[in-house]
Amino acid sequence: MSYPNYGPSYYGPPPQSHPQGTTILVLGILSLVVCTFIGPFAWSMGTRALREIDESGYHYENRGMVQAGRICGIVSSVLLILTLGFLIFGFGVALLTGGFSR
């Protein structure tokens, strides 16, 4: 038995998923837990995906995942910059105080 075609629903098109949403979230979480060098990639991919979502005009159901991955990437990038800054400061102090000499 076949059902008649009633046309589109009254609520508009069904929500879509951005194809890179899960990837961005996984990269963001991994950048916090495993390797902070992944953070800038999650940040840039998340920004690009959010721009695509905003310009499309459609409702994407995984926008929150993209935002969460982007925020994790931002936090990881800031931690990476702070870590590199402390390392450079520490090596600078060691060089100035003669910590590498015998």
Protein backbone atom coordinates (compact mmCIF):
# COMPACT_ATOMS: atom_id res chain seq x y z
CA MET A 1 0.00 0.00 0.00
CA SER A 2 1.39 3.36 -0.92
CA TYR A 3 0.64 6.60 0.82
CA PRO A 4 -0.31 9.76 -1.06
CA ASN A 5 2.27 12.52 -1.40
CA TYR A 6 1.14 15.39 0.80
CA GLY A 7 4.01 17.66 -0.20
CA PRO A 8 6.51 19.32 2.12
CA SER A 9 5.76 19.53 5.81
CA TYR A 10 4.59 22.71 7.43
CA TYR A 11 7.78 23.04 9.45
CA GLY A 12 10.18 23.55 6.58
CA PRO A 13 12.98 21.33 5.39
CA PRO A 14 14.48 18.83 7.79
CA PRO A 15 17.61 19.99 9.63
CA GLN A 16 20.93 19.14 8.05
CA SER A 17 24.26 18.24 9.60
CA HIS A 18 27.41 20.07 8.63
CA PRO A 19 29.77 17.45 7.17
CA GLN A 20 32.76 18.57 9.27
CA GLY A 21 30.93 19.02 12.58
CA THR A 22 32.08 15.79 14.19
CA THR A 23 35.64 16.24 12.91
CA ILE A 24 35.87 19.72 14.42
CA LEU A 25 34.55 18.52 17.77
CA VAL A 26 36.96 15.57 17.88
CA LEU A 27 39.92 17.80 16.96
CA GLY A 28 38.92 20.31 19.63
CA ILE A 29 38.66 17.67 22.35
CA LEU A 30 41.90 15.98 21.28
CA SER A 31 43.67 19.34 21.32
CA LEU A 32 42.79 19.74 24.99
CA VAL A 33 43.49 16.17 26.06
CA VAL A 34 46.27 14.81 23.86
CA CYS A 35 48.13 17.36 21.74
CA THR A 36 47.76 21.13 21.92
CA PHE A 37 49.24 21.57 18.44
CA ILE A 38 45.88 20.49 16.96
CA GLY A 39 44.10 23.47 18.56
CA PRO A 40 44.70 26.06 15.82
CA PHE A 41 43.39 23.61 13.21
CA ALA A 42 40.17 23.04 15.17
CA TRP A 43 39.85 26.80 15.65
CA SER A 44 40.23 27.65 11.96
CA MET A 45 38.05 24.78 10.75
CA GLY A 46 35.36 25.73 13.27
CA THR A 47 35.40 29.37 12.21
CA ARG A 48 35.13 28.39 8.55
CA ALA A 49 32.28 25.96 9.25
CA LEU A 50 30.36 28.52 11.32
CA ARG A 51 30.73 31.03 8.52
CA GLU A 52 29.35 28.45 6.05
CA ILE A 53 26.45 27.65 8.39
CA ASP A 54 25.55 31.33 8.82
CA GLU A 55 25.73 32.08 5.10
CA SER A 56 23.70 29.04 4.04
CA GLY A 57 20.41 30.11 5.58
CA TYR A 58 19.53 26.53 6.58
CA HIS A 59 19.14 25.17 10.08
CA TYR A 60 22.04 22.85 10.92
CA GLU A 61 21.44 20.53 13.82
CA ASN A 62 25.12 20.23 14.77
CA ARG A 63 25.96 23.93 15.08
CA GLY A 64 26.55 23.43 18.81
CA MET A 65 29.10 20.71 18.09
CA VAL A 66 30.96 23.03 15.73
CA GLN A 67 30.92 25.83 18.32
CA ALA A 68 32.15 23.51 21.07
CA GLY A 69 35.01 22.24 18.91
CA ARG A 70 35.95 25.79 17.97
CA ILE A 71 35.96 26.92 21.60
CA CYS A 72 38.08 23.92 22.62
CA GLY A 73 40.48 24.86 19.81
CA ILE A 74 40.66 28.45 21.05
CA VAL A 75 41.36 27.35 24.64
CA SER A 76 44.01 24.90 23.46
CA SER A 77 45.66 27.55 21.26
CA VAL A 78 45.84 29.98 24.18
CA LEU A 79 47.36 27.26 26.38
CA LEU A 80 49.87 26.48 23.62
CA ILE A 81 50.90 30.13 23.35
CA LEU A 82 51.27 30.42 27.13
CA THR A 83 53.35 27.23 27.29
CA LEU A 84 55.65 28.39 24.52
CA GLY A 85 55.96 31.79 26.22
CA PHE A 86 56.98 30.19 29.52
CA LEU A 87 59.49 27.94 27.75
CA ILE A 88 61.07 30.88 25.95
CA PHE A 89 61.15 32.86 29.21
CA GLY A 90 62.72 29.95 31.07
CA PHE A 91 65.42 29.43 28.43
CA GLY A 92 66.09 33.16 28.38
CA VAL A 93 66.55 33.29 32.13
CA ALA A 94 68.78 30.19 32.00
CA LEU A 95 70.94 31.80 29.31
CA LEU A 96 71.25 35.09 31.18
CA THR A 97 72.12 33.50 34.52
CA GLY A 98 74.58 31.04 33.06
CA GLY A 99 72.47 27.96 33.73
CA PHE A 100 73.84 26.17 30.66
CA SER A 101 77.52 26.69 31.49
CA ARG A 102 79.63 24.27 33.48
